[in-house]
Amino acid sequence: MMRLAHRRAVAGATAAVAALTLAACGGNVSGGSGGEASADFPSGPVTLTVGQDAGGSTDLIARALADGMASDLGVSVPVVNRAGANGAVATQEVAGKPADGSSLVLLNASLITITPLAVSEDEAVSLDDVDVLKGLSQDDYVLVASKESGYQDLDDLKAASGKVTYGTTGVGTGSQLAQAVLFAQAEIEGTSVPFDSGSPALTAVVGDQVQVATIQLGEAKPQIDAGNVVPLLAFSAERNQFLPDVPTAVEEGYDVPVSQYRALAAPKGLPEDVKARLVESADAAVGEDAYTSFNENNLLTPHEISGEEVVEEWTALAEKYKALTDEYDISLAEE
């Protein structure tokens, strides 16, 4: 996996040499549990890196969080976009930085729970590479149909099996997994049309170039409200508060609870006092009225849990998704 083992080994050796040099010169080297080096944290900017392009849901969440954390920490919290490999590029980069609290990354759960099912073991990213600080939000997926298709519910889609054209939205995404597992369980067959993200797939549904696609709710809701697409079901474990009349796949009898979760993380090995201060700051940020309004305006469900709970939850999801793809012989790499 992408453990950055070589870079960590080099960094460790360099740190050891530096420590010996400082000791020889009478320098003071603090320990990792909150010594002198972290007593005045933060002493400068805290950079929050996002593994997606500016303007998307993950980026917007990062900027809303950064605004609140900057106010609480009393330093700037710039957001840097490092798109690539569904967030792997950004996560690798941050994981290789010093564990001093000055570098953070916003994680998408799909990078940890789904992308490893679509890439080689060497390309996969693990939570072992980072310290997870806090879970933030839940972004649900919805299966939408074109108005021209005439589909009003899942039964209509099942009846059209074999004649369906459906859009896919990228390798290793929650959208891809949810749709693939549902189609396998419901025995729906059709012709896939690949797109590189949800936006062009949604446009194709609106134009009836494909009959259905699974899209993140924040992207799909305006077209749903405008009557340009028809929501068939949601992939959340429970009904989404913003689509109260739309059933879930679970309600329809299919074991496909798939949502996109986000969490805040830092390089592995943070001093405990620095970690506690960052968690405190994140708690303060999500507690602000401005952040609550941001969630509501962007159709995000708060999922504010501890870092330990994130690790437990995402590990369980990764195991569940692996079992589902094995059971139904689904290859997410084939797009």
Protein backbone atom coordinates (compact mmCIF):
# COMPACT_ATOMS: atom_id res chain seq x y z
CA MET A 1 0.00 0.00 0.00
CA MET A 2 0.98 3.65 -0.23
CA ARG A 3 2.69 3.68 3.14
CA LEU A 4 5.46 6.02 2.05
CA ALA A 5 7.77 3.62 3.81
CA HIS A 6 10.91 4.79 2.05
CA ARG A 7 10.21 8.45 2.67
CA ARG A 8 9.32 7.76 6.30
CA ALA A 9 12.56 5.82 6.74
CA VAL A 10 14.58 8.66 5.24
CA ALA A 11 12.70 11.23 7.32
CA GLY A 12 13.25 9.16 10.44
CA ALA A 13 16.95 8.85 9.79
CA THR A 14 17.24 12.58 9.12
CA ALA A 15 15.35 13.38 12.33
CA ALA A 16 17.61 11.08 14.31
CA VAL A 17 20.74 12.79 12.97
CA ALA A 18 19.23 16.20 13.72
CA ALA A 19 18.37 15.15 17.27
CA LEU A 20 21.91 13.92 17.92
CA THR A 21 23.34 17.14 16.51
CA LEU A 22 21.09 19.30 18.69
CA ALA A 23 21.90 17.24 21.76
CA ALA A 24 25.61 17.63 21.11
CA CYS A 25 25.14 21.39 20.83
CA GLY A 26 23.05 21.60 23.98
CA GLY A 27 19.78 21.90 22.04
CA ASN A 28 16.40 20.94 23.48
CA VAL A 29 14.41 18.24 21.68
CA SER A 30 10.87 17.72 22.97
CA GLY A 31 9.00 14.44 23.07
CA GLY A 32 5.92 13.48 21.08
CA SER A 33 3.44 13.93 23.93
CA GLY A 34 3.38 17.70 24.08
CA GLY A 35 6.83 19.01 24.95
CA GLU A 36 8.34 22.44 24.37
CA ALA A 37 8.22 22.17 20.56
CA SER A 38 4.39 22.06 20.59
CA ALA A 39 3.67 24.22 23.63
CA ASP A 40 3.02 27.32 21.52
CA PHE A 41 1.04 25.57 18.78
CA PRO A 42 0.04 26.98 16.39
CA SER A 43 2.88 29.37 15.71
CA GLY A 44 2.10 29.77 12.01
CA PRO A 45 -0.38 28.86 9.27
CA VAL A 46 -2.08 25.46 9.26
CA THR A 47 -2.54 24.29 5.67
CA LEU A 48 -5.55 22.15 4.75
CA THR A 49 -5.02 20.15 1.56
CA VAL A 50 -7.92 18.88 -0.54
CA GLY A 51 -7.54 16.01 -2.99
CA GLN A 52 -10.20 17.35 -5.35
CA ASP A 53 -10.58 20.38 -7.60
CA ALA A 54 -11.89 23.69 -6.31
CA GLY A 55 -15.66 24.11 -6.33
CA GLY A 56 -16.69 20.52 -5.58
CA SER A 57 -18.35 19.28 -2.39
CA THR A 58 -15.10 18.23 -0.70
CA ASP A 59 -13.45 21.56 -1.48
CA LEU A 60 -16.42 23.53 -0.18
CA ILE A 61 -16.47 21.53 3.04
CA ALA A 62 -12.75 22.17 3.51
CA ARG A 63 -13.15 25.92 3.05
CA ALA A 64 -16.10 26.14 5.44
CA LEU A 65 -14.13 24.15 8.04
CA ALA A 66 -10.96 26.19 7.46
CA ASP A 67 -12.80 29.46 8.07
CA GLY A 68 -14.03 28.29 11.46
CA MET A 69 -10.70 26.77 12.47
CA ALA A 70 -8.81 29.93 11.50
CA SER A 71 -11.03 31.99 13.81
CA ASP A 72 -10.52 29.55 16.66
CA LEU A 73 -6.77 28.99 16.20
CA GLY A 74 -5.96 32.62 15.54
CA VAL A 75 -3.83 31.82 12.47
CA SER A 76 -4.59 31.50 8.78
CA VAL A 77 -5.80 28.11 7.51
CA PRO A 78 -5.23 28.21 3.74
CA VAL A 79 -6.87 25.55 1.58
CA VAL A 80 -4.71 24.00 -1.14
CA ASN A 81 -6.14 21.83 -3.93
CA ARG A 82 -4.05 18.85 -5.04
CA ALA A 83 -6.41 16.85 -7.22
CA GLY A 84 -5.50 13.40 -8.48
CA ALA A 85 -6.32 9.70 -8.05
CA ASN A 86 -9.52 10.32 -6.08
CA GLY A 87 -7.57 12.12 -3.35
CA ALA A 88 -4.58 9.76 -3.16
CA VAL A 89 -2.12 12.39 -4.39
CA ALA A 90 -3.08 14.86 -1.66
CA THR A 91 -3.19 12.22 1.06
CA GLN A 92 0.23 10.85 0.15
CA GLU A 93 1.69 14.33 0.08
CA VAL A 94 0.33 15.30 3.50
CA ALA A 95 1.19 11.92 5.04
CA GLY A 96 4.84 12.56 4.16
CA LYS A 97 4.99 15.94 5.91
CA PRO A 98 6.21 16.54 9.49
CA ALA A 99 3.67 15.57 12.15
CA ASP A 100 3.66 19.00 13.78
CA GLY A 101 0.06 20.06 13.13
CA SER A 102 0.86 22.51 10.33
CA SER A 103 -0.43 20.20 7.57
CA LEU A 104 -3.91 18.68 7.39
CA VAL A 105 -5.87 16.82 4.72
CA LEU A 106 -9.59 16.42 4.13
CA LEU A 107 -10.32 12.75 3.44
CA ASN A 108 -13.10 11.24 1.37
CA ALA A 109 -14.19 7.85 2.71
CA SER A 110 -14.33 6.43 -0.83
CA LEU A 111 -10.55 6.77 -1.10
CA ILE A 112 -10.18 4.38 1.83
CA THR A 113 -13.23 2.14 1.49
CA ILE A 114 -13.85 1.85 -2.27
CA THR A 115 -10.85 2.96 -4.35
CA PRO A 116 -8.71 0.02 -3.04
CA LEU A 117 -11.21 -2.27 -4.79
CA ALA A 118 -10.39 -0.64 -8.12
CA VAL A 119 -6.60 -0.19 -7.94
CA SER A 120 -3.57 -2.33 -7.19
CA GLU A 121 -2.44 -2.88 -3.61
CA ASP A 122 0.56 -0.64 -4.20
CA GLU A 123 -1.72 2.23 -5.27
CA ALA A 124 -4.19 1.95 -2.39
CA VAL A 125 -4.17 4.41 0.51
CA SER A 126 -4.61 3.30 4.11
CA LEU A 127 -5.73 5.07 7.29
CA ASP A 128 -2.52 3.70 8.81
CA ASP A 129 -0.73 6.56 7.03
CA VAL A 130 -2.51 9.34 8.97
CA ASP A 131 -3.94 10.41 12.31
CA VAL A 132 -7.69 10.86 11.83
CA LEU A 133 -8.92 13.81 13.86
CA LYS A 134 -12.65 14.08 13.29
CA GLY A 135 -15.51 12.92 11.10
CA LEU A 136 -17.44 15.75 9.48
CA SER A 137 -20.31 15.03 7.14
CA GLN A 138 -22.28 12.61 5.01
CA ASP A 139 -23.10 13.20 1.35
CA ASP A 140 -25.67 10.76 -0.04
CA TYR A 141 -26.12 9.32 -3.51
CA VAL A 142 -29.38 9.19 -5.44
CA LEU A 143 -30.31 7.11 -8.50
CA VAL A 144 -32.02 9.42 -10.98
CA ALA A 145 -33.83 8.70 -14.23
CA SER A 146 -34.45 10.88 -17.25
CA LYS A 147 -37.91 12.35 -17.60
CA GLU A 148 -38.21 10.84 -21.08
CA SER A 149 -37.47 7.31 -19.80
CA GLY A 150 -40.81 7.18 -18.03
CA TYR A 151 -39.25 5.45 -15.01
CA GLN A 152 -40.99 6.45 -11.79
CA ASP A 153 -39.58 3.86 -9.40
CA LEU A 154 -37.21 0.93 -9.15
CA ASP A 155 -39.83 -1.50 -10.47
CA ASP A 156 -39.96 0.43 -13.74
CA LEU A 157 -36.19 0.20 -14.03
CA LYS A 158 -36.21 -3.54 -13.31
CA ALA A 159 -38.90 -4.06 -15.95
CA ALA A 160 -36.65 -2.35 -18.51
CA SER A 161 -33.69 -4.63 -17.75
CA GLY A 162 -31.71 -5.35 -20.89
CA LYS A 163 -32.75 -2.12 -22.55
CA VAL A 164 -31.32 0.30 -20.00
CA THR A 165 -28.47 2.68 -20.77
CA TYR A 166 -26.83 3.94 -17.60
CA GLY A 167 -24.08 6.42 -16.78
CA THR A 168 -21.12 5.70 -14.53
CA THR A 169 -19.11 8.41 -12.80
CA GLY A 170 -15.54 7.22 -12.36
CA VAL A 171 -13.50 4.31 -11.08
CA GLY A 172 -13.44 3.74 -7.33
CA THR A 173 -16.30 6.10 -6.47
CA GLY A 174 -19.28 5.55 -4.22
CA SER A 175 -21.53 6.23 -7.17
CA GLN A 176 -19.93 3.43 -9.15
CA LEU A 177 -20.10 0.95 -6.28
CA ALA A 178 -23.69 1.72 -5.28
CA GLN A 179 -25.02 1.41 -8.80
CA ALA A 180 -23.02 -1.71 -9.62
CA VAL A 181 -24.13 -3.56 -6.48
CA LEU A 182 -27.77 -2.54 -6.89
CA PHE A 183 -27.84 -3.68 -10.52
CA ALA A 184 -26.26 -7.00 -9.54
CA GLN A 185 -28.64 -7.63 -6.66
CA ALA A 186 -31.74 -6.53 -8.60
CA GLU A 187 -30.55 -8.37 -11.74
CA ILE A 188 -30.76 -5.23 -13.87
CA GLU A 189 -28.81 -5.43 -17.13
CA GLY A 190 -27.93 -2.61 -19.45
CA THR A 191 -25.29 -0.75 -21.36
CA SER A 192 -22.87 1.41 -19.38
CA VAL A 193 -21.66 4.79 -20.59
CA PRO A 194 -18.62 6.02 -18.62
CA PHE A 195 -18.15 9.63 -17.53
CA ASP A 196 -15.34 11.09 -15.45
CA SER A 197 -17.57 12.65 -12.76
CA GLY A 198 -21.14 13.16 -11.67
CA SER A 199 -21.74 16.44 -13.48
CA PRO A 200 -21.45 15.14 -17.08
CA ALA A 201 -23.34 11.98 -16.12
CA LEU A 202 -26.19 14.09 -14.75
CA THR A 203 -26.20 16.22 -17.89
CA ALA A 204 -26.51 13.03 -19.93
CA VAL A 205 -29.52 11.92 -17.87
CA VAL A 206 -31.19 15.31 -18.28
CA GLY A 207 -30.69 15.01 -22.05
CA ASP A 208 -31.84 11.34 -22.07
CA GLN A 209 -28.50 10.27 -23.53
CA VAL A 210 -28.55 7.72 -20.70
CA GLN A 211 -31.69 6.70 -18.83
CA VAL A 212 -30.25 6.56 -15.31
CA ALA A 213 -27.16 7.42 -13.28
CA THR A 214 -26.23 7.58 -9.61
CA ILE A 215 -25.27 11.12 -8.57
CA GLN A 216 -24.36 12.86 -5.32
CA LEU A 217 -27.45 14.55 -3.92
CA GLY A 218 -25.92 18.03 -3.87
CA GLU A 219 -25.41 17.86 -7.62
CA ALA A 220 -28.71 16.16 -8.46
CA LYS A 221 -31.15 18.09 -6.24
CA PRO A 222 -31.49 21.23 -8.43
CA GLN A 223 -32.40 19.07 -11.44
CA ILE A 224 -34.77 17.03 -9.27
CA ASP A 225 -36.46 20.18 -8.01
CA ALA A 226 -36.72 21.50 -11.57
CA GLY A 227 -38.42 18.29 -12.67
CA ASN A 228 -35.69 17.48 -15.18
CA VAL A 229 -34.86 14.11 -13.60
CA VAL A 230 -36.81 11.66 -11.45
CA PRO A 231 -35.30 10.31 -8.19
CA LEU A 232 -35.84 6.56 -8.00
CA LEU A 233 -34.08 5.78 -4.72
CA ALA A 234 -31.36 6.94 -2.35
CA PHE A 235 -28.39 4.86 -1.20
CA SER A 236 -28.27 6.11 2.39
CA ALA A 237 -28.97 3.70 5.25
CA GLU A 238 -32.02 5.80 6.20
CA ARG A 239 -34.15 8.23 4.21
CA ASN A 240 -32.33 11.44 3.41
CA GLN A 241 -33.81 14.48 5.14
CA PHE A 242 -33.70 16.40 1.86
CA LEU A 243 -35.54 13.63 -0.06
CA PRO A 244 -38.08 12.42 2.50
CA ASP A 245 -40.41 10.91 -0.11
CA VAL A 246 -37.72 8.90 -1.89
CA PRO A 247 -37.19 5.32 -0.64
CA THR A 248 -33.74 3.90 0.05
CA ALA A 249 -32.24 0.86 -1.60
CA VAL A 250 -32.34 -0.80 1.82
CA GLU A 251 -36.09 -0.19 2.05
CA GLU A 252 -36.49 -1.78 -1.37
CA GLY A 253 -34.77 -4.90 -0.07
CA TYR A 254 -31.24 -4.37 -1.38
CA ASP A 255 -28.15 -4.31 0.83
CA VAL A 256 -26.55 -1.20 -0.68
CA PRO A 257 -26.06 1.50 1.97
CA VAL A 258 -23.39 3.70 0.35
CA SER A 259 -22.68 7.33 1.27
CA GLN A 260 -19.71 9.64 0.92
CA TYR A 261 -18.21 10.58 4.28
CA ARG A 262 -15.54 13.19 4.97
CA ALA A 263 -13.00 13.45 7.78
CA LEU A 264 -10.11 15.63 8.86
CA ALA A 265 -6.68 14.01 9.18
CA ALA A 266 -3.00 14.84 9.72
CA PRO A 267 0.37 13.08 9.27
CA LYS A 268 0.83 10.10 11.55
CA GLY A 269 2.43 10.75 14.93
CA LEU A 270 0.98 14.09 16.06
CA PRO A 271 1.96 15.14 19.59
CA GLU A 272 -1.05 14.53 21.82
CA ASP A 273 -1.46 18.19 22.82
CA VAL A 274 -1.34 19.32 19.18
CA LYS A 275 -3.87 16.67 18.22
CA ALA A 276 -6.16 17.73 21.04
CA ARG A 277 -5.90 21.39 20.02
CA LEU A 278 -6.75 20.60 16.39
CA VAL A 279 -9.74 18.48 17.43
CA GLU A 280 -10.88 21.28 19.73
CA SER A 281 -10.61 23.74 16.85
CA ALA A 282 -12.52 21.48 14.45
CA ASP A 283 -15.23 21.05 17.10
CA ALA A 284 -15.49 24.80 17.44
CA ALA A 285 -15.70 25.26 13.67
CA VAL A 286 -18.53 22.77 13.12
CA GLY A 287 -20.38 24.25 16.09
CA GLU A 288 -20.67 27.66 14.45
CA ASP A 289 -24.01 28.77 12.98
CA ALA A 290 -22.26 29.55 9.69
CA TYR A 291 -21.10 25.94 9.34
CA THR A 292 -24.53 24.57 10.21
CA SER A 293 -26.06 26.79 7.54
CA PHE A 294 -23.38 25.65 5.09
CA ASN A 295 -24.38 22.00 5.63
CA GLU A 296 -28.05 22.80 5.12
CA ASN A 297 -27.43 24.90 2.01
CA ASN A 298 -25.30 22.16 0.45
CA LEU A 299 -27.60 19.26 1.43
CA LEU A 300 -24.97 17.69 3.67
CA THR A 301 -25.94 15.56 6.65
CA PRO A 302 -23.70 16.22 9.69
CA HIS A 303 -21.73 13.14 10.69
CA GLU A 304 -19.51 14.61 13.38
CA ILE A 305 -17.80 11.72 15.11
CA SER A 306 -14.40 11.18 16.71
CA GLY A 307 -11.32 10.14 14.78
CA GLU A 308 -11.40 6.75 16.49
CA GLU A 309 -15.01 6.26 15.40
CA VAL A 310 -14.08 7.22 11.83
CA VAL A 311 -11.39 4.54 11.71
CA GLU A 312 -13.79 1.93 13.08
CA GLU A 313 -16.60 2.92 10.72
CA TRP A 314 -14.51 3.18 7.55
CA THR A 315 -12.71 -0.08 8.28
CA ALA A 316 -16.07 -1.85 8.61
CA LEU A 317 -17.33 -0.25 5.40
CA ALA A 318 -14.22 -1.34 3.48
CA GLU A 319 -14.78 -4.91 4.63
CA LYS A 320 -18.47 -4.79 3.72
CA TYR A 321 -17.83 -3.38 0.25
CA LYS A 322 -15.12 -5.95 -0.40
CA ALA A 323 -17.52 -8.74 0.58
CA LEU A 324 -20.25 -7.37 -1.70
CA THR A 325 -18.00 -7.07 -4.74
CA ASP A 326 -16.67 -10.57 -4.12
CA GLU A 327 -20.16 -12.02 -3.67
CA TYR A 328 -21.47 -10.54 -6.92
CA ASP A 329 -18.22 -10.82 -8.86
CA ILE A 330 -18.06 -7.06 -9.48
CA SER A 331 -14.88 -5.48 -10.80
CA LEU A 332 -14.76 -1.74 -10.23
CA ALA A 333 -11.63 -1.48 -12.36
CA GLU A 334 -13.55 -2.28 -15.51
CA GLU A 335 -14.73 1.13 -16.70
